[in-house]
C-alpha atoms as a PDB file:
ATOM      1  CA  MET A   1      -0.019   0.292  -0.542  1.00  0.00           C
ATOM      2  CA  ASP A   2       1.464   3.305  -0.996  1.00  0.00           C
ATOM      3  CA  PRO A   3       2.438   5.988   1.816  1.00  0.00           C
ATOM      4  CA  PHE A   4      -0.723   8.779   0.299  1.00  0.00           C
ATOM      5  CA  SER A   5      -3.699   6.087   1.275  1.00  0.00           C
ATOM      6  CA  ARG A   6      -1.655   4.548   4.297  1.00  0.00           C
ATOM      7  CA  ILE A   7      -2.264   8.308   5.801  1.00  0.00           C
ATOM      8  CA  GLY A   8      -5.555   8.308   3.954  1.00  0.00           C
ATOM      9  CA  ARG A   9      -6.542   5.285   5.832  1.00  0.00           C
ATOM     10  CA  TRP A  10      -5.323   6.827   8.991  1.00  0.00           C
ATOM     11  CA  ILE A  11      -7.356   9.856   9.143  1.00  0.00           C
ATOM     12  CA  LEU A  12     -10.786   8.464   7.830  1.00  0.00           C
ATOM     13  CA  GLY A  13     -10.281   6.481  11.191  1.00  0.00           C
ATOM     14  CA  GLU A  14      -9.161   9.013  13.305  1.00  0.00           C
ATOM     15  CA  VAL A  15     -12.310  11.188  11.824  1.00  0.00           C
ATOM     16  CA  SER A  16     -15.022   7.913  12.867  1.00  0.00           C
ATOM     17  CA  LYS A  17     -13.380   7.891  16.435  1.00  0.00           C
ATOM     18  CA  ALA A  18     -14.123  11.474  16.605  1.00  0.00           C
ATOM     19  CA  GLY A  19     -17.513  11.291  15.391  1.00  0.00           C
ATOM     20  CA  ARG A  20     -18.304   7.972  17.095  1.00  0.00           C
ATOM     21  CA  LEU A  21     -17.129   9.842  20.163  1.00  0.00           C
ATOM     22  CA  ILE A  22     -19.425  13.160  19.802  1.00  0.00           C
ATOM     23  CA  LEU A  23     -22.250  10.804  19.397  1.00  0.00           C
ATOM     24  CA  THR A  24     -21.531   8.508  22.114  1.00  0.00           C
ATOM     25  CA  VAL A  25     -21.460  11.981  24.319  1.00  0.00           C
ATOM     26  CA  ALA A  26     -24.216  13.332  22.790  1.00  0.00           C
ATOM     27  CA  THR A  27     -26.965  10.636  23.277  1.00  0.00           C
ATOM     28  CA  THR A  28     -25.661   9.735  26.829  1.00  0.00           C
ATOM     29  CA  VAL A  29     -26.852  13.816  27.785  1.00  0.00           C
ATOM     30  CA  TYR A  30     -29.978  13.166  26.023  1.00  0.00           C
ATOM     31  CA  TRP A  31     -30.694  10.584  27.655  1.00  0.00           C
ATOM     32  CA  PHE A  32     -29.185  11.616  31.572  1.00  0.00           C
ATOM     33  CA  PHE A  33     -33.400  13.678  32.020  1.00  0.00           C
ATOM     34  CA  LEU A  34     -35.185  11.188  29.149  1.00  0.00           C
ATOM     35  CA  PRO A  35     -37.016   8.563  31.065  1.00  0.00           C
ATOM     36  CA  PRO A  36     -36.916   5.425  32.022  1.00  0.00           C
ATOM     37  CA  TYR A  37     -34.904   6.645  35.111  1.00  0.00           C
ATOM     38  CA  ARG A  38     -32.599   3.291  36.596  1.00  0.00           C
ATOM     39  CA  VAL A  39     -32.953   4.550  39.794  1.00  0.00           C
ATOM     40  CA  HIS A  40     -31.890   0.614  41.201  1.00  0.00           C
ATOM     41  CA  GLU A  41     -29.383   0.779  38.987  1.00  0.00           C
ATOM     42  CA  ALA A  42     -28.084   3.606  39.829  1.00  0.00           C
ATOM     43  CA  PHE A  43     -27.890   3.044  43.836  1.00  0.00           C
ATOM     44  CA  ARG A  44     -26.007  -0.156  42.024  1.00  0.00           C
ATOM     45  CA  GLN A  45     -23.389   1.563  40.462  1.00  0.00           C
ATOM     46  CA  MET A  46     -23.493   4.341  43.590  1.00  0.00           C
ATOM     47  CA  GLU A  47     -22.495   1.487  45.686  1.00  0.00           C
ATOM     48  CA  PHE A  48     -19.793   0.275  44.009  1.00  0.00           C
ATOM     49  CA  VAL A  49     -17.705   3.420  43.142  1.00  0.00           C
ATOM     50  CA  GLY A  50     -17.704   5.140  46.427  1.00  0.00           C
ATOM     51  CA  VAL A  51     -19.181   2.015  49.119  1.00  0.00           C
ATOM     52  CA  LYS A  52     -16.614   0.177  48.271  1.00  0.00           C
ATOM     53  CA  SER A  53     -13.872   2.320  47.237  1.00  0.00           C
ATOM     54  CA  LEU A  54     -13.399   3.129  51.165  1.00  0.00           C
ATOM     55  CA  PHE A  55     -10.969   1.187  51.795  1.00  0.00           C
ATOM     56  CA  VAL A  56      -8.576   1.963  49.407  1.00  0.00           C
ATOM     57  CA  ILE A  57      -9.472   5.835  50.253  1.00  0.00           C
ATOM     58  CA  THR A  58      -8.865   5.343  53.725  1.00  0.00           C
ATOM     59  CA  LEU A  59      -5.432   4.034  53.653  1.00  0.00           C
ATOM     60  CA  THR A  60      -4.374   6.760  50.399  1.00  0.00           C
ATOM     61  CA  SER A  61      -5.840   9.785  52.288  1.00  0.00           C
ATOM     62  CA  SER A  62      -4.583   8.439  55.707  1.00  0.00           C
ATOM     63  CA  PHE A  63      -0.997   8.235  54.531  1.00  0.00           C
ATOM     64  CA  THR A  64      -1.291  11.308  51.990  1.00  0.00           C
ATOM     65  CA  GLY A  65      -1.828  13.735  55.083  1.00  0.00           C
ATOM     66  CA  MET A  66       0.565  12.631  57.412  1.00  0.00           C
ATOM     67  CA  VAL A  67       3.820  12.068  54.921  1.00  0.00           C
ATOM     68  CA  LEU A  68       2.419  15.802  54.032  1.00  0.00           C
ATOM     69  CA  ALA A  69       2.850  16.891  57.896  1.00  0.00           C
ATOM     70  CA  LEU A  70       5.761  14.695  57.766  1.00  0.00           C
ATOM     71  CA  GLN A  71       7.883  16.907  55.522  1.00  0.00           C
ATOM     72  CA  THR A  72       6.269  20.169  55.660  1.00  0.00           C
ATOM     73  CA  TYR A  73       7.661  19.915  59.337  1.00  0.00           C
ATOM     74  CA  HIS A  74      11.183  19.533  58.871  1.00  0.00           C
ATOM     75  CA  ALA A  75      11.137  22.136  55.933  1.00  0.00           C
ATOM     76  CA  PHE A  76       9.274  24.630  58.754  1.00  0.00           C
ATOM     77  CA  VAL A  77      10.903  23.997  61.702  1.00  0.00           C
ATOM     78  CA  THR A  78      13.796  25.594  59.464  1.00  0.00           C
ATOM     79  CA  PHE A  79      11.964  28.690  59.536  1.00  0.00           C
ATOM     80  CA  ASN A  80       9.977  28.341  63.061  1.00  0.00           C
ATOM     81  CA  ALA A  81       7.348  28.109  60.937  1.00  0.00           C
ATOM     82  CA  GLU A  82       5.691  24.704  62.475  1.00  0.00           C
ATOM     83  CA  SER A  83       2.010  26.011  63.521  1.00  0.00           C
ATOM     84  CA  MET A  84       1.953  26.145  59.369  1.00  0.00           C
ATOM     85  CA  VAL A  85       1.981  22.444  58.900  1.00  0.00           C
ATOM     86  CA  GLY A  86      -1.795  22.629  59.812  1.00  0.00           C
ATOM     87  CA  ALA A  87      -2.605  24.953  57.189  1.00  0.00           C
ATOM     88  CA  THR A  88      -0.415  23.545  54.515  1.00  0.00           C
ATOM     89  CA  VAL A  89      -2.271  20.026  55.022  1.00  0.00           C
ATOM     90  CA  ALA A  90      -5.091  21.773  55.123  1.00  0.00           C
ATOM     91  CA  LEU A  91      -4.688  23.814  51.829  1.00  0.00           C
ATOM     92  CA  SER A  92      -3.479  21.364  50.062  1.00  0.00           C
ATOM     93  CA  MET A  93      -5.837  18.291  50.787  1.00  0.00           C
ATOM     94  CA  THR A  94      -9.011  20.512  49.895  1.00  0.00           C
ATOM     95  CA  ARG A  95      -7.408  22.326  46.342  1.00  0.00           C
ATOM     96  CA  GLU A  96      -5.475  19.957  44.901  1.00  0.00           C
ATOM     97  CA  LEU A  97      -5.184  16.160  46.827  1.00  0.00           C
ATOM     98  CA  GLY A  98      -8.252  15.321  48.060  1.00  0.00           C
ATOM     99  CA  PRO A  99      -9.666  15.805  44.134  1.00  0.00           C
ATOM    100  CA  VAL A 100      -6.550  14.555  42.285  1.00  0.00           C
ATOM    101  CA  LEU A 101      -5.739  11.627  44.356  1.00  0.00           C
ATOM    102  CA  ALA A 102      -9.207  10.209  44.603  1.00  0.00           C
ATOM    103  CA  ALA A 103     -10.645  10.434  41.075  1.00  0.00           C
ATOM    104  CA  LEU A 104      -7.250   8.595  40.989  1.00  0.00           C
ATOM    105  CA  MET A 105      -8.377   5.803  42.526  1.00  0.00           C
ATOM    106  CA  VAL A 106     -11.523   5.378  42.025  1.00  0.00           C
ATOM    107  CA  ALA A 107      -9.772   5.200  38.510  1.00  0.00           C
ATOM    108  CA  ALA A 108      -7.422   2.484  39.022  1.00  0.00           C
ATOM    109  CA  ARG A 109     -10.170   0.153  41.339  1.00  0.00           C
ATOM    110  CA  ALA A 110     -14.172   1.310  39.889  1.00  0.00           C
ATOM    111  CA  GLY A 111     -13.384   2.347  36.191  1.00  0.00           C
ATOM    112  CA  SER A 112     -10.782  -0.722  35.122  1.00  0.00           C
ATOM    113  CA  ALA A 113     -13.650  -2.615  36.520  1.00  0.00           C
ATOM    114  CA  MET A 114     -16.206  -0.624  34.704  1.00  0.00           C
ATOM    115  CA  ALA A 115     -13.802  -1.237  31.547  1.00  0.00           C
ATOM    116  CA  ALA A 116     -13.698  -5.245  32.611  1.00  0.00           C
ATOM    117  CA  GLU A 117     -17.839  -5.868  32.218  1.00  0.00           C
ATOM    118  CA  LEU A 118     -18.617  -3.219  29.908  1.00  0.00           C
ATOM    119  CA  GLY A 119     -15.934  -5.031  27.312  1.00  0.00           C
ATOM    120  CA  THR A 120     -16.576  -8.272  28.713  1.00  0.00           C
ATOM    121  CA  MET A 121     -20.231  -7.875  27.732  1.00  0.00           C
ATOM    122  CA  ARG A 122     -19.393  -6.830  24.383  1.00  0.00           C
ATOM    123  CA  VAL A 123     -17.313  -9.596  23.555  1.00  0.00           C
ATOM    124  CA  THR A 124     -19.873 -11.870  25.090  1.00  0.00           C
ATOM    125  CA  GLU A 125     -22.816 -10.071  22.590  1.00  0.00           C
ATOM    126  CA  GLN A 126     -24.547  -9.283  25.374  1.00  0.00           C
ATOM    127  CA  ILE A 127     -24.741  -5.764  24.219  1.00  0.00           C
ATOM    128  CA  ASP A 128     -26.054  -7.004  20.837  1.00  0.00           C
ATOM    129  CA  ALA A 129     -28.961  -8.850  23.003  1.00  0.00           C
ATOM    130  CA  LEU A 130     -30.268  -5.622  24.506  1.00  0.00           C
ATOM    131  CA  GLU A 131     -30.558  -3.573  21.528  1.00  0.00           C
ATOM    132  CA  ALA A 132     -32.515  -7.050  20.470  1.00  0.00           C
ATOM    133  CA  MET A 133     -34.492  -5.949  23.022  1.00  0.00           C
ATOM    134  CA  ALA A 134     -35.162  -2.737  22.179  1.00  0.00           C
ATOM    135  CA  VAL A 135     -32.691  -1.712  25.134  1.00  0.00           C
ATOM    136  CA  ASN A 136     -30.987   1.434  24.512  1.00  0.00           C
ATOM    137  CA  SER A 137     -27.608   0.167  25.949  1.00  0.00           C
ATOM    138  CA  LEU A 138     -26.337   3.626  26.150  1.00  0.00           C
ATOM    139  CA  GLN A 139     -28.979   4.890  28.011  1.00  0.00           C
ATOM    140  CA  TYR A 140     -28.505   0.986  29.937  1.00  0.00           C
ATOM    141  CA  LEU A 141     -24.991   1.037  30.913  1.00  0.00           C
ATOM    142  CA  PHE A 142     -23.607   4.351  30.729  1.00  0.00           C
ATOM    143  CA  VAL A 143     -25.833   7.241  32.671  1.00  0.00           C
ATOM    144  CA  PRO A 144     -26.482   4.788  35.920  1.00  0.00           C
ATOM    145  CA  ARG A 145     -22.486   4.711  36.429  1.00  0.00           C
ATOM    146  CA  VAL A 146     -21.479   8.421  34.749  1.00  0.00           C
ATOM    147  CA  ALA A 147     -24.076   9.409  37.619  1.00  0.00           C
ATOM    148  CA  ALA A 148     -22.377   7.418  40.247  1.00  0.00           C
ATOM    149  CA  GLY A 149     -19.087   8.534  39.751  1.00  0.00           C
ATOM    150  CA  ILE A 150     -20.368  12.057  39.350  1.00  0.00           C
ATOM    151  CA  LEU A 151     -22.265  12.310  42.799  1.00  0.00           C
ATOM    152  CA  MET A 152     -19.916   9.989  44.308  1.00  0.00           C
ATOM    153  CA  VAL A 153     -16.469  11.173  43.408  1.00  0.00           C
ATOM    154  CA  PRO A 154     -17.222  14.153  45.282  1.00  0.00           C
ATOM    155  CA  ILE A 155     -18.794  12.536  48.266  1.00  0.00           C
ATOM    156  CA  LEU A 156     -15.397  10.104  48.173  1.00  0.00           C
ATOM    157  CA  THR A 157     -12.910  13.635  47.934  1.00  0.00           C
ATOM    158  CA  VAL A 158     -14.768  15.065  51.540  1.00  0.00           C
ATOM    159  CA  TYR A 159     -13.823  11.968  52.798  1.00  0.00           C
ATOM    160  CA  PHE A 160     -10.634  11.810  51.351  1.00  0.00           C
ATOM    161  CA  ASP A 161      -9.786  15.703  52.697  1.00  0.00           C
ATOM    162  CA  PHE A 162     -11.190  14.516  56.380  1.00  0.00           C
ATOM    163  CA  LEU A 163      -9.168  11.543  56.944  1.00  0.00           C
ATOM    164  CA  GLY A 164      -6.025  13.397  55.228  1.00  0.00           C
ATOM    165  CA  ILE A 165      -6.470  16.163  57.601  1.00  0.00           C
ATOM    166  CA  LEU A 166      -6.858  14.436  60.814  1.00  0.00           C
ATOM    167  CA  GLY A 167      -3.694  11.532  60.057  1.00  0.00           C
ATOM    168  CA  GLY A 168      -2.015  14.971  59.135  1.00  0.00           C
ATOM    169  CA  TYR A 169      -2.696  16.448  62.782  1.00  0.00           C
ATOM    170  CA  PHE A 170      -2.054  12.730  64.763  1.00  0.00           C
ATOM    171  CA  VAL A 171       2.274  13.273  63.392  1.00  0.00           C
ATOM    172  CA  GLY A 172       1.757  16.981  63.740  1.00  0.00           C
ATOM    173  CA  VAL A 173       1.034  16.858  67.369  1.00  0.00           C
ATOM    174  CA  PHE A 174       1.434  13.603  68.664  1.00  0.00           C
ATOM    175  CA  TYR A 175       4.003  12.978  66.764  1.00  0.00           C
ATOM    176  CA  LEU A 176       6.302  15.617  66.202  1.00  0.00           C
ATOM    177  CA  GLY A 177       4.680  17.374  69.512  1.00  0.00           C
ATOM    178  CA  ILE A 178       3.076  20.973  67.767  1.00  0.00           C
ATOM    179  CA  GLU A 179       1.027  22.466  69.918  1.00  0.00           C
ATOM    180  CA  PRO A 180      -2.481  21.668  68.802  1.00  0.00           C
ATOM    181  CA  GLY A 181      -4.132  24.808  69.568  1.00  0.00           C
ATOM    182  CA  PRO A 182      -1.823  26.912  66.549  1.00  0.00           C
ATOM    183  CA  PHE A 183      -2.322  23.538  64.442  1.00  0.00           C
ATOM    184  CA  VAL A 184      -5.256  23.793  64.527  1.00  0.00           C
ATOM    185  CA  LYS A 185      -5.405  27.770  64.504  1.00  0.00           C
ATOM    186  CA  SER A 186      -3.355  27.650  60.994  1.00  0.00           C
ATOM    187  CA  ILE A 187      -6.444  25.715  59.728  1.00  0.00           C
ATOM    188  CA  VAL A 188      -9.375  28.095  60.460  1.00  0.00           C
ATOM    189  CA  LYS A 189      -7.546  31.280  58.936  1.00  0.00           C
ATOM    190  CA  TYR A 190      -5.710  29.940  55.680  1.00  0.00           C
ATOM    191  CA  THR A 191      -8.416  27.901  54.868  1.00  0.00           C
ATOM    192  CA  ASP A 192     -11.920  29.290  53.255  1.00  0.00           C
ATOM    193  CA  TYR A 193     -14.732  27.530  52.007  1.00  0.00           C
ATOM    194  CA  THR A 194     -14.122  28.798  48.301  1.00  0.00           C
ATOM    195  CA  ASP A 195     -10.979  25.817  48.630  1.00  0.00           C
ATOM    196  CA  PHE A 196     -13.267  23.165  50.373  1.00  0.00           C
ATOM    197  CA  THR A 197     -16.161  24.132  46.953  1.00  0.00           C
ATOM    198  CA  HIS A 198     -13.788  24.377  44.566  1.00  0.00           C
ATOM    199  CA  GLY A 199     -12.065  21.072  45.223  1.00  0.00           C
ATOM    200  CA  LEU A 200     -15.402  19.645  45.035  1.00  0.00           C
ATOM    201  CA  ILE A 201     -16.395  21.139  41.649  1.00  0.00           C
ATOM    202  CA  LYS A 202     -12.557  19.633  40.571  1.00  0.00           C
ATOM    203  CA  SER A 203     -13.596  16.325  42.085  1.00  0.00           C
ATOM    204  CA  GLY A 204     -17.535  16.138  40.440  1.00  0.00           C
ATOM    205  CA  VAL A 205     -15.792  16.958  36.846  1.00  0.00           C
ATOM    206  CA  PHE A 206     -12.713  14.292  37.200  1.00  0.00           C
ATOM    207  CA  GLY A 207     -16.262  11.209  37.973  1.00  0.00           C
ATOM    208  CA  LEU A 208     -17.294  12.806  34.987  1.00  0.00           C
ATOM    209  CA  LEU A 209     -14.244  11.545  32.753  1.00  0.00           C
ATOM    210  CA  VAL A 210     -13.798   8.588  34.894  1.00  0.00           C
ATOM    211  CA  SER A 211     -16.356   7.375  34.739  1.00  0.00           C
ATOM    212  CA  PHE A 212     -17.450   8.573  31.063  1.00  0.00           C
ATOM    213  CA  ILE A 213     -14.028   7.549  29.427  1.00  0.00           C
ATOM    214  CA  SER A 214     -14.227   3.449  31.262  1.00  0.00           C
ATOM    215  CA  CYS A 215     -17.475   2.895  30.442  1.00  0.00           C
ATOM    216  CA  TYR A 216     -16.711   4.163  26.243  1.00  0.00           C
ATOM    217  CA  LYS A 217     -13.591   2.369  26.534  1.00  0.00           C
ATOM    218  CA  GLY A 218     -14.930  -1.231  27.452  1.00  0.00           C
ATOM    219  CA  TYR A 219     -18.009  -0.783  25.317  1.00  0.00           C
ATOM    220  CA  PHE A 220     -16.198  -0.252  22.450  1.00  0.00           C
ATOM    221  CA  ALA A 221     -13.741  -3.032  23.153  1.00  0.00           C
ATOM    222  CA  GLY A 222     -12.211  -4.842  20.829  1.00  0.00           C
ATOM    223  CA  GLN A 223     -12.752  -8.694  20.243  1.00  0.00           C
ATOM    224  CA  GLY A 224     -11.734 -12.055  22.072  1.00  0.00           C
ATOM    225  CA  ALA A 225      -9.942 -11.323  25.571  1.00  0.00           C
ATOM    226  CA  GLU A 226      -7.201  -9.077  24.364  1.00  0.00           C
ATOM    227  CA  GLY A 227      -9.446  -6.464  23.724  1.00  0.00           C
ATOM    228  CA  VAL A 228     -11.016  -6.486  27.091  1.00  0.00           C
ATOM    229  CA  GLY A 229      -7.839  -6.348  28.058  1.00  0.00           C
ATOM    230  CA  ARG A 230      -6.470  -3.590  26.200  1.00  0.00           C
ATOM    231  CA  ALA A 231      -9.673  -1.660  27.003  1.00  0.00           C
ATOM    232  CA  THR A 232      -9.245  -1.557  30.388  1.00  0.00           C
ATOM    233  CA  THR A 233      -5.537  -0.723  30.728  1.00  0.00           C
ATOM    234  CA  GLN A 234      -6.352   1.922  27.988  1.00  0.00           C
ATOM    235  CA  ALA A 235      -9.060   3.358  30.178  1.00  0.00           C
ATOM    236  CA  VAL A 236      -7.270   3.621  33.147  1.00  0.00           C
ATOM    237  CA  VAL A 237      -4.664   5.175  31.661  1.00  0.00           C
ATOM    238  CA  LEU A 238      -6.196   8.127  29.821  1.00  0.00           C
ATOM    239  CA  SER A 239      -8.531   8.696  33.225  1.00  0.00           C
ATOM    240  CA  SER A 240      -5.374   9.158  34.643  1.00  0.00           C
ATOM    241  CA  VAL A 241      -4.639  11.271  32.190  1.00  0.00           C
ATOM    242  CA  HIS A 242      -7.256  13.474  31.677  1.00  0.00           C
ATOM    243  CA  VAL A 243      -7.329  13.854  35.876  1.00  0.00           C
ATOM    244  CA  LEU A 244      -4.289  15.468  35.329  1.00  0.00           C
ATOM    245  CA  VAL A 245      -4.527  17.516  32.658  1.00  0.00           C
ATOM    246  CA  SER A 246      -8.023  18.754  33.822  1.00  0.00           C
ATOM    247  CA  ASP A 247      -6.950  19.718  36.697  1.00  0.00           C
ATOM    248  CA  TYR A 248      -4.279  21.883  35.367  1.00  0.00           C
ATOM    249  CA  PHE A 249      -6.336  23.874  33.731  1.00  0.00           C
ATOM    250  CA  LEU A 250      -9.681  23.580  36.013  1.00  0.00           C
ATOM    251  CA  THR A 251      -7.100  25.214  38.982  1.00  0.00           C
ATOM    252  CA  ASP A 252      -5.918  28.140  36.314  1.00  0.00           C
ATOM    253  CA  PHE A 253      -9.938  29.038  35.815  1.00  0.00           C
ATOM    254  CA  LEU A 254     -11.237  28.068  39.329  1.00  0.00           C
ATOM    255  CA  TYR A 255      -7.949  30.178  40.602  1.00  0.00           C
END
């Protein structure tokens, strides 16, 4: 095949993928507001994304707050500013670490499972069976999962922030010997409610990205076990990359 034919085929393939993505997004948004409302399935996905992610979120948030307090203490003690450790931990958790790390953990645990589940349904022709029964597969498979991601990632972020600050408090006060009064006072003084709300806005966007990308990759997985594995890997990697890239632009816009 000559080079021009290869370039033409590549361009047509990329345009086809872009069109498929746009149609999938438009169809998902369209069915988001139309019946039938699959409330039971949405709650099942909320449990899967939220409740079943509590262990990994607890572990990650606690040690993130503790190591952050440990590192900042050794930097601030040089300037006799140990009391600022609390504010640093709180601001870091609410603005950046909470939303980003919670979304990355959800992508690794729940996003990969979504992609694998939908990919298995694709290769075993279960999605074709849904369409044959006059069930809109995008409405049945995408909407509950995307809704669960949008709702549960912010809730997990609140939990992440709380445990991270609590972990920083225990290390700072009980291990490093910082006075609890100045530690808490610095948090109250330098942390504003906008830091918290902006973090929630970020986490809602991250939840949307993680859930949609995971569903999309699984829904259009290639044939066979290799296709499912490739779709799962791509879902986690692309979700993580989109979380990190969008975090920069959201931070620039919000702050």
